[in-house]
């Protein structure tokens, strides 16, 4: 599987600039993350995660997208909203 990370978007992570990260756990910490991140677990549960907080998902793998202006997630949302 591509883009697996245990450090995600933490400010010192070597994976912080990826368009998405796959976290092999349902427990996510947003400590040392400087922006909001969308998390979607392998059971379809979705959360917008805020910096500094901890999150628990029912699933055991979480797909993360950064909520930055130029993120992949935001580009998909903008494209979807323009076509609606």
PDB file of N, CA and C in Angstrom:
ATOM      1  N   UNK A   1       0.850  -1.182   0.000  1.00  0.00           N
ATOM      2  CA  UNK A   1       0.000   0.000   0.000  1.00  0.00           C
ATOM      3  C   UNK A   1       0.888   1.235   0.000  1.00  0.00           C
ATOM      4  N   UNK A   2       0.518   2.231  -0.759  1.00  0.00           N
ATOM      5  CA  UNK A   2       1.298   3.454  -0.928  1.00  0.00           C
ATOM      6  C   UNK A   2       0.923   4.502   0.121  1.00  0.00           C
ATOM      7  N   UNK A   3       1.873   5.347   0.472  1.00  0.00           N
ATOM      8  CA  UNK A   3       1.689   6.500   1.375  1.00  0.00           C
ATOM      9  C   UNK A   3       1.315   6.120   2.805  1.00  0.00           C
ATOM     10  N   UNK A   4       1.772   4.968   3.278  1.00  0.00           N
ATOM     11  CA  UNK A   4       1.556   4.610   4.675  1.00  0.00           C
ATOM     12  C   UNK A   4       2.478   5.452   5.542  1.00  0.00           C
ATOM     13  N   UNK A   5       1.942   5.964   6.645  1.00  0.00           N
ATOM     14  CA  UNK A   5       2.710   6.829   7.540  1.00  0.00           C
ATOM     15  C   UNK A   5       2.253   6.624   8.975  1.00  0.00           C
ATOM     16  N   UNK A   6       3.181   6.689   9.899  1.00  0.00           N
ATOM     17  CA  UNK A   6       2.819   6.685  11.318  1.00  0.00           C
ATOM     18  C   UNK A   6       2.957   8.080  11.918  1.00  0.00           C
ATOM     19  N   UNK A   7       3.498   9.020  11.140  1.00  0.00           N
ATOM     20  CA  UNK A   7       3.667  10.399  11.632  1.00  0.00           C
ATOM     21  C   UNK A   7       2.762  11.398  10.924  1.00  0.00           C
ATOM     22  N   UNK A   8       2.127  11.001   9.829  1.00  0.00           N
ATOM     23  CA  UNK A   8       1.138  11.836   9.156  1.00  0.00           C
ATOM     24  C   UNK A   8       1.601  13.253   8.851  1.00  0.00           C
ATOM     25  N   UNK A   9       0.796  14.232   9.277  1.00  0.00           N
ATOM     26  CA  UNK A   9       1.051  15.635   8.960  1.00  0.00           C
ATOM     27  C   UNK A   9       1.685  16.428  10.110  1.00  0.00           C
ATOM     28  N   UNK A  10       2.313  15.743  11.057  1.00  0.00           N
ATOM     29  CA  UNK A  10       3.024  16.458  12.136  1.00  0.00           C
ATOM     30  C   UNK A  10       4.080  17.363  11.507  1.00  0.00           C
ATOM     31  N   UNK A  11       4.358  18.490  12.138  1.00  0.00           N
ATOM     32  CA  UNK A  11       5.248  19.482  11.536  1.00  0.00           C
ATOM     33  C   UNK A  11       6.645  18.945  11.248  1.00  0.00           C
ATOM     34  N   UNK A  12       7.120  17.936  11.965  1.00  0.00           N
ATOM     35  CA  UNK A  12       8.451  17.369  11.713  1.00  0.00           C
ATOM     36  C   UNK A  12       8.415  16.064  10.919  1.00  0.00           C
ATOM     37  N   UNK A  13       7.257  15.690  10.402  1.00  0.00           N
ATOM     38  CA  UNK A  13       7.122  14.444   9.653  1.00  0.00           C
ATOM     39  C   UNK A  13       7.678  14.590   8.238  1.00  0.00           C
ATOM     40  N   UNK A  14       8.363  13.560   7.778  1.00  0.00           N
ATOM     41  CA  UNK A  14       8.838  13.578   6.390  1.00  0.00           C
ATOM     42  C   UNK A  14       7.685  13.383   5.405  1.00  0.00           C
ATOM     43  N   UNK A  15       6.493  13.072   5.912  1.00  0.00           N
ATOM     44  CA  UNK A  15       5.311  12.849   5.071  1.00  0.00           C
ATOM     45  C   UNK A  15       4.343  14.034   5.068  1.00  0.00           C
ATOM     46  N   UNK A  16       4.721  15.141   5.685  1.00  0.00           N
ATOM     47  CA  UNK A  16       3.782  16.261   5.887  1.00  0.00           C
ATOM     48  C   UNK A  16       3.341  16.960   4.602  1.00  0.00           C
ATOM     49  N   UNK A  17       4.056  16.771   3.499  1.00  0.00           N
ATOM     50  CA  UNK A  17       3.681  17.449   2.255  1.00  0.00           C
ATOM     51  C   UNK A  17       2.992  16.542   1.242  1.00  0.00           C
ATOM     52  N   UNK A  18       2.664  15.342   1.645  1.00  0.00           N
ATOM     53  CA  UNK A  18       1.953  14.437   0.745  1.00  0.00           C
ATOM     54  C   UNK A  18       0.508  14.899   0.547  1.00  0.00           C
ATOM     55  N   UNK A  19      -0.103  14.561  -0.603  1.00  0.00           N
ATOM     56  CA  UNK A  19      -1.512  14.919  -0.812  1.00  0.00           C
ATOM     57  C   UNK A  19      -2.452  14.106   0.077  1.00  0.00           C
ATOM     58  N   UNK A  20      -1.997  12.939   0.532  1.00  0.00           N
ATOM     59  CA  UNK A  20      -2.761  12.131   1.482  1.00  0.00           C
ATOM     60  C   UNK A  20      -1.799  11.192   2.200  1.00  0.00           C
ATOM     61  N   UNK A  21      -2.209  10.729   3.372  1.00  0.00           N
ATOM     62  CA  UNK A  21      -1.468   9.736   4.135  1.00  0.00           C
ATOM     63  C   UNK A  21      -2.421   8.641   4.579  1.00  0.00           C
ATOM     64  N   UNK A  22      -1.914   7.432   4.682  1.00  0.00           N
ATOM     65  CA  UNK A  22      -2.686   6.307   5.205  1.00  0.00           C
ATOM     66  C   UNK A  22      -2.069   5.936   6.548  1.00  0.00           C
ATOM     67  N   UNK A  23      -2.863   6.050   7.600  1.00  0.00           N
ATOM     68  CA  UNK A  23      -2.406   5.780   8.956  1.00  0.00           C
ATOM     69  C   UNK A  23      -2.891   4.387   9.360  1.00  0.00           C
ATOM     70  N   UNK A  24      -1.969   3.477   9.704  1.00  0.00           N
ATOM     71  CA  UNK A  24      -2.367   2.110  10.036  1.00  0.00           C
ATOM     72  C   UNK A  24      -2.857   1.967  11.476  1.00  0.00           C
ATOM     73  N   UNK A  25      -3.824   2.784  11.852  1.00  0.00           N
ATOM     74  CA  UNK A  25      -4.374   2.787  13.208  1.00  0.00           C
ATOM     75  C   UNK A  25      -5.684   3.556  13.204  1.00  0.00           C
ATOM     76  N   UNK A  26      -6.555   3.258  14.156  1.00  0.00           N
ATOM     77  CA  UNK A  26      -7.778   4.033  14.343  1.00  0.00           C
ATOM     78  C   UNK A  26      -7.597   5.142  15.371  1.00  0.00           C
ATOM     79  N   UNK A  27      -6.409   5.236  15.955  1.00  0.00           N
ATOM     80  CA  UNK A  27      -6.118   6.288  16.943  1.00  0.00           C
ATOM     81  C   UNK A  27      -5.209   7.323  16.307  1.00  0.00           C
ATOM     82  N   UNK A  28      -5.712   8.553  16.236  1.00  0.00           N
ATOM     83  CA  UNK A  28      -5.008   9.638  15.563  1.00  0.00           C
ATOM     84  C   UNK A  28      -4.756  10.760  16.549  1.00  0.00           C
ATOM     85  N   UNK A  29      -3.518  11.241  16.598  1.00  0.00           N
ATOM     86  CA  UNK A  29      -3.229  12.444  17.373  1.00  0.00           C
ATOM     87  C   UNK A  29      -2.942  13.581  16.402  1.00  0.00           C
ATOM     88  N   UNK A  30      -3.467  14.729  16.734  1.00  0.00           N
ATOM     89  CA  UNK A  30      -3.210  15.931  15.940  1.00  0.00           C
ATOM     90  C   UNK A  30      -2.213  16.846  16.656  1.00  0.00           C
ATOM     91  N   UNK A  31      -1.531  16.308  17.651  1.00  0.00           N
ATOM     92  CA  UNK A  31      -0.475  17.049  18.339  1.00  0.00           C
ATOM     93  C   UNK A  31       0.639  17.342  17.327  1.00  0.00           C
ATOM     94  N   UNK A  32       1.110  18.560  17.312  1.00  0.00           N
ATOM     95  CA  UNK A  32       2.168  19.025  16.402  1.00  0.00           C
ATOM     96  C   UNK A  32       1.730  19.098  14.944  1.00  0.00           C
ATOM     97  N   UNK A  33       0.418  19.112  14.685  1.00  0.00           N
ATOM     98  CA  UNK A  33      -0.111  19.331  13.337  1.00  0.00           C
ATOM     99  C   UNK A  33      -0.630  20.767  13.306  1.00  0.00           C
ATOM    100  N   UNK A  34      -0.321  21.502  12.233  1.00  0.00           N
ATOM    101  CA  UNK A  34      -0.608  22.936  12.186  1.00  0.00           C
ATOM    102  C   UNK A  34      -1.845  23.316  11.378  1.00  0.00           C
ATOM    103  N   UNK A  35      -2.634  22.344  10.925  1.00  0.00           N
ATOM    104  CA  UNK A  35      -3.815  22.640  10.104  1.00  0.00           C
ATOM    105  C   UNK A  35      -4.830  21.511  10.280  1.00  0.00           C
ATOM    106  N   UNK A  36      -6.056  21.770   9.874  1.00  0.00           N
ATOM    107  CA  UNK A  36      -7.110  20.751   9.951  1.00  0.00           C
ATOM    108  C   UNK A  36      -6.836  19.636   8.939  1.00  0.00           C
ATOM    109  N   UNK A  37      -7.272  18.438   9.295  1.00  0.00           N
ATOM    110  CA  UNK A  37      -7.089  17.258   8.446  1.00  0.00           C
ATOM    111  C   UNK A  37      -8.411  16.486   8.438  1.00  0.00           C
ATOM    112  N   UNK A  38      -8.818  16.009   7.267  1.00  0.00           N
ATOM    113  CA  UNK A  38      -9.984  15.126   7.172  1.00  0.00           C
ATOM    114  C   UNK A  38      -9.482  13.694   7.321  1.00  0.00           C
ATOM    115  N   UNK A  39     -10.132  12.920   8.169  1.00  0.00           N
ATOM    116  CA  UNK A  39      -9.811  11.512   8.334  1.00  0.00           C
ATOM    117  C   UNK A  39     -11.012  10.661   7.965  1.00  0.00           C
ATOM    118  N   UNK A  40     -10.781   9.612   7.170  1.00  0.00           N
ATOM    119  CA  UNK A  40     -11.829   8.669   6.780  1.00  0.00           C
ATOM    120  C   UNK A  40     -11.292   7.265   7.048  1.00  0.00           C
ATOM    121  N   UNK A  41     -11.970   6.534   7.924  1.00  0.00           N
ATOM    122  CA  UNK A  41     -11.462   5.199   8.242  1.00  0.00           C
ATOM    123  C   UNK A  41     -11.955   4.159   7.237  1.00  0.00           C
ATOM    124  N   UNK A  42     -11.445   2.935   7.364  1.00  0.00           N
ATOM    125  CA  UNK A  42     -11.779   1.871   6.426  1.00  0.00           C
ATOM    126  C   UNK A  42     -13.220   1.372   6.563  1.00  0.00           C
ATOM    127  N   UNK A  43     -13.976   1.906   7.523  1.00  0.00           N
ATOM    128  CA  UNK A  43     -15.399   1.585   7.662  1.00  0.00           C
ATOM    129  C   UNK A  43     -16.286   2.716   7.143  1.00  0.00           C
ATOM    130  N   UNK A  44     -15.659   3.803   6.642  1.00  0.00           N
ATOM    131  CA  UNK A  44     -16.413   4.923   6.076  1.00  0.00           C
ATOM    132  C   UNK A  44     -16.709   6.059   7.036  1.00  0.00           C
ATOM    133  N   UNK A  45     -16.233   5.980   8.268  1.00  0.00           N
ATOM    134  CA  UNK A  45     -16.442   7.064   9.238  1.00  0.00           C
ATOM    135  C   UNK A  45     -15.527   8.231   8.902  1.00  0.00           C
ATOM    136  N   UNK A  46     -16.078   9.451   8.957  1.00  0.00           N
ATOM    137  CA  UNK A  46     -15.328  10.641   8.551  1.00  0.00           C
ATOM    138  C   UNK A  46     -15.346  11.676   9.663  1.00  0.00           C
ATOM    139  N   UNK A  47     -14.198  12.326   9.882  1.00  0.00           N
ATOM    140  CA  UNK A  47     -14.100  13.412  10.869  1.00  0.00           C
ATOM    141  C   UNK A  47     -13.188  14.498  10.329  1.00  0.00           C
ATOM    142  N   UNK A  48     -13.528  15.747  10.638  1.00  0.00           N
ATOM    143  CA  UNK A  48     -12.597  16.842  10.421  1.00  0.00           C
ATOM    144  C   UNK A  48     -11.847  17.013  11.733  1.00  0.00           C
ATOM    145  N   UNK A  49     -10.541  16.793  11.674  1.00  0.00           N
ATOM    146  CA  UNK A  49      -9.716  16.792  12.878  1.00  0.00           C
ATOM    147  C   UNK A  49      -8.979  18.117  13.022  1.00  0.00           C
ATOM    148  N   UNK A  50      -8.981  18.635  14.232  1.00  0.00           N
ATOM    149  CA  UNK A  50      -8.384  19.930  14.549  1.00  0.00           C
ATOM    150  C   UNK A  50      -7.024  19.742  15.218  1.00  0.00           C
ATOM    151  N   UNK A  51      -6.088  20.687  14.974  1.00  0.00           N
ATOM    152  CA  UNK A  51      -4.773  20.612  15.604  1.00  0.00           C
ATOM    153  C   UNK A  51      -4.870  20.520  17.131  1.00  0.00           C
ATOM    154  N   UNK A  52      -3.986  19.687  17.714  1.00  0.00           N
ATOM    155  CA  UNK A  52      -3.892  19.571  19.163  1.00  0.00           C
ATOM    156  C   UNK A  52      -4.796  18.544  19.805  1.00  0.00           C
ATOM    157  N   UNK A  53      -5.773  18.016  19.080  1.00  0.00           N
ATOM    158  CA  UNK A  53      -6.724  17.059  19.648  1.00  0.00           C
ATOM    159  C   UNK A  53      -6.353  15.621  19.288  1.00  0.00           C
ATOM    160  N   UNK A  54      -6.963  14.670  19.996  1.00  0.00           N
ATOM    161  CA  UNK A  54      -6.820  13.252  19.710  1.00  0.00           C
ATOM    162  C   UNK A  54      -8.153  12.696  19.230  1.00  0.00           C
ATOM    163  N   UNK A  55      -8.107  11.737  18.312  1.00  0.00           N
ATOM    164  CA  UNK A  55      -9.316  11.177  17.718  1.00  0.00           C
ATOM    165  C   UNK A  55      -9.231   9.658  17.676  1.00  0.00           C
ATOM    166  N   UNK A  56     -10.375   9.003  17.852  1.00  0.00           N
ATOM    167  CA  UNK A  56     -10.463   7.552  17.748  1.00  0.00           C
ATOM    168  C   UNK A  56     -11.518   7.208  16.704  1.00  0.00           C
ATOM    169  N   UNK A  57     -11.137   6.363  15.770  1.00  0.00           N
ATOM    170  CA  UNK A  57     -12.040   5.881  14.728  1.00  0.00           C
ATOM    171  C   UNK A  57     -12.373   4.424  15.002  1.00  0.00           C
ATOM    172  N   UNK A  58     -13.590   3.970  14.644  1.00  0.00           N
ATOM    173  CA  UNK A  58     -13.938   2.560  14.812  1.00  0.00           C
ATOM    174  C   UNK A  58     -13.079   1.629  13.941  1.00  0.00           C
ATOM    175  N   UNK A  59     -12.668   2.110  12.769  1.00  0.00           N
ATOM    176  CA  UNK A  59     -11.844   1.306  11.870  1.00  0.00           C
ATOM    177  C   UNK A  59     -10.398   1.228  12.338  1.00  0.00           C
ATOM    178  N   UNK A  60      -9.597   0.454  11.612  1.00  0.00           N
ATOM    179  CA  UNK A  60      -8.205   0.283  12.006  1.00  0.00           C
ATOM    180  C   UNK A  60      -7.199   0.860  11.009  1.00  0.00           C
ATOM    181  N   UNK A  61      -7.700   1.564   9.990  1.00  0.00           N
ATOM    182  CA  UNK A  61      -6.862   2.286   9.028  1.00  0.00           C
ATOM    183  C   UNK A  61      -7.568   3.598   8.728  1.00  0.00           C
ATOM    184  N   UNK A  62      -6.813   4.703   8.704  1.00  0.00           N
ATOM    185  CA  UNK A  62      -7.410   6.017   8.438  1.00  0.00           C
ATOM    186  C   UNK A  62      -6.690   6.685   7.270  1.00  0.00           C
ATOM    187  N   UNK A  63      -7.470   7.107   6.290  1.00  0.00           N
ATOM    188  CA  UNK A  63      -6.983   7.892   5.164  1.00  0.00           C
ATOM    189  C   UNK A  63      -7.093   9.358   5.565  1.00  0.00           C
ATOM    190  N   UNK A  64      -5.982  10.101   5.463  1.00  0.00           N
ATOM    191  CA  UNK A  64      -5.968  11.512   5.861  1.00  0.00           C
ATOM    192  C   UNK A  64      -5.718  12.403   4.649  1.00  0.00           C
ATOM    193  N   UNK A  65      -6.469  13.515   4.605  1.00  0.00           N
ATOM    194  CA  UNK A  65      -6.260  14.570   3.618  1.00  0.00           C
ATOM    195  C   UNK A  65      -6.076  15.881   4.362  1.00  0.00           C
ATOM    196  N   UNK A  66      -5.066  16.674   4.022  1.00  0.00           N
ATOM    197  CA  UNK A  66      -4.923  17.978   4.677  1.00  0.00           C
ATOM    198  C   UNK A  66      -6.006  18.933   4.181  1.00  0.00           C
ATOM    199  N   UNK A  67      -6.496  19.781   5.064  1.00  0.00           N
ATOM    200  CA  UNK A  67      -7.456  20.812   4.656  1.00  0.00           C
ATOM    201  C   UNK A  67      -6.714  22.133   4.491  1.00  0.00           C
ATOM    202  N   UNK A  68      -5.923  22.165   3.459  1.00  0.00           N
ATOM    203  CA  UNK A  68      -5.216  23.380   3.065  1.00  0.00           C
ATOM    204  C   UNK A  68      -5.854  23.846   1.771  1.00  0.00           C
ATOM    205  N   UNK A  69      -5.644  25.087   1.427  1.00  0.00           N
ATOM    206  CA  UNK A  69      -6.278  25.661   0.234  1.00  0.00           C
ATOM    207  C   UNK A  69      -6.016  24.830  -1.028  1.00  0.00           C
ATOM    208  N   UNK A  70      -4.795  24.356  -1.226  1.00  0.00           N
ATOM    209  CA  UNK A  70      -4.459  23.642  -2.451  1.00  0.00           C
ATOM    210  C   UNK A  70      -4.438  22.117  -2.278  1.00  0.00           C
ATOM    211  N   UNK A  71      -5.066  21.599  -1.230  1.00  0.00           N
ATOM    212  CA  UNK A  71      -5.028  20.158  -0.990  1.00  0.00           C
ATOM    213  C   UNK A  71      -5.873  19.399  -2.010  1.00  0.00           C
ATOM    214  N   UNK A  72      -5.550  18.138  -2.188  1.00  0.00           N
ATOM    215  CA  UNK A  72      -6.304  17.257  -3.076  1.00  0.00           C
ATOM    216  C   UNK A  72      -7.769  17.203  -2.665  1.00  0.00           C
ATOM    217  N   UNK A  73      -8.037  17.087  -1.369  1.00  0.00           N
ATOM    218  CA  UNK A  73      -9.404  17.020  -0.863  1.00  0.00           C
ATOM    219  C   UNK A  73     -10.187  18.274  -1.246  1.00  0.00           C
ATOM    220  N   UNK A  74      -9.584  19.451  -1.049  1.00  0.00           N
ATOM    221  CA  UNK A  74     -10.283  20.693  -1.392  1.00  0.00           C
ATOM    222  C   UNK A  74     -10.481  20.838  -2.892  1.00  0.00           C
ATOM    223  N   UNK A  75      -9.528  20.390  -3.698  1.00  0.00           N
ATOM    224  CA  UNK A  75      -9.693  20.467  -5.159  1.00  0.00           C
ATOM    225  C   UNK A  75     -10.863  19.586  -5.600  1.00  0.00           C
ATOM    226  N   UNK A  76     -11.019  18.417  -4.983  1.00  0.00           N
ATOM    227  CA  UNK A  76     -12.146  17.535  -5.312  1.00  0.00           C
ATOM    228  C   UNK A  76     -13.462  18.192  -4.912  1.00  0.00           C
ATOM    229  N   UNK A  77     -13.519  18.771  -3.699  1.00  0.00           N
ATOM    230  CA  UNK A  77     -14.751  19.433  -3.234  1.00  0.00           C
ATOM    231  C   UNK A  77     -15.121  20.607  -4.125  1.00  0.00           C
ATOM    232  N   UNK A  78     -14.142  21.424  -4.488  1.00  0.00           N
ATOM    233  CA  UNK A  78     -14.415  22.602  -5.324  1.00  0.00           C
ATOM    234  C   UNK A  78     -14.936  22.160  -6.695  1.00  0.00           C
ATOM    235  N   UNK A  79     -14.292  21.141  -7.292  1.00  0.00           N
ATOM    236  CA  UNK A  79     -14.717  20.643  -8.591  1.00  0.00           C
ATOM    237  C   UNK A  79     -16.136  20.081  -8.508  1.00  0.00           C
ATOM    238  N   UNK A  80     -16.441  19.341  -7.455  1.00  0.00           N
ATOM    239  CA  UNK A  80     -17.778  18.755  -7.271  1.00  0.00           C
ATOM    240  C   UNK A  80     -18.828  19.852  -7.118  1.00  0.00           C
ATOM    241  N   UNK A  81     -18.533  20.883  -6.318  1.00  0.00           N
ATOM    242  CA  UNK A  81     -19.489  21.957  -6.078  1.00  0.00           C
ATOM    243  C   UNK A  81     -19.733  22.795  -7.332  1.00  0.00           C
ATOM    244  N   UNK A  82     -18.720  22.973  -8.165  1.00  0.00           N
ATOM    245  CA  UNK A  82     -18.890  23.745  -9.400  1.00  0.00           C
ATOM    246  C   UNK A  82     -19.763  23.010 -10.413  1.00  0.00           C
ATOM    247  N   UNK A  83     -19.739  21.664 -10.367  1.00  0.00           N
ATOM    248  CA  UNK A  83     -20.525  20.893 -11.336  1.00  0.00           C
ATOM    249  C   UNK A  83     -21.944  20.631 -10.845  1.00  0.00           C
ATOM    250  N   UNK A  84     -22.261  21.015  -9.614  1.00  0.00           N
ATOM    251  CA  UNK A  84     -23.617  20.776  -9.063  1.00  0.00           C
ATOM    252  C   UNK A  84     -24.592  21.834  -9.520  1.00  0.00           C
TER     253      UNK A  84
END
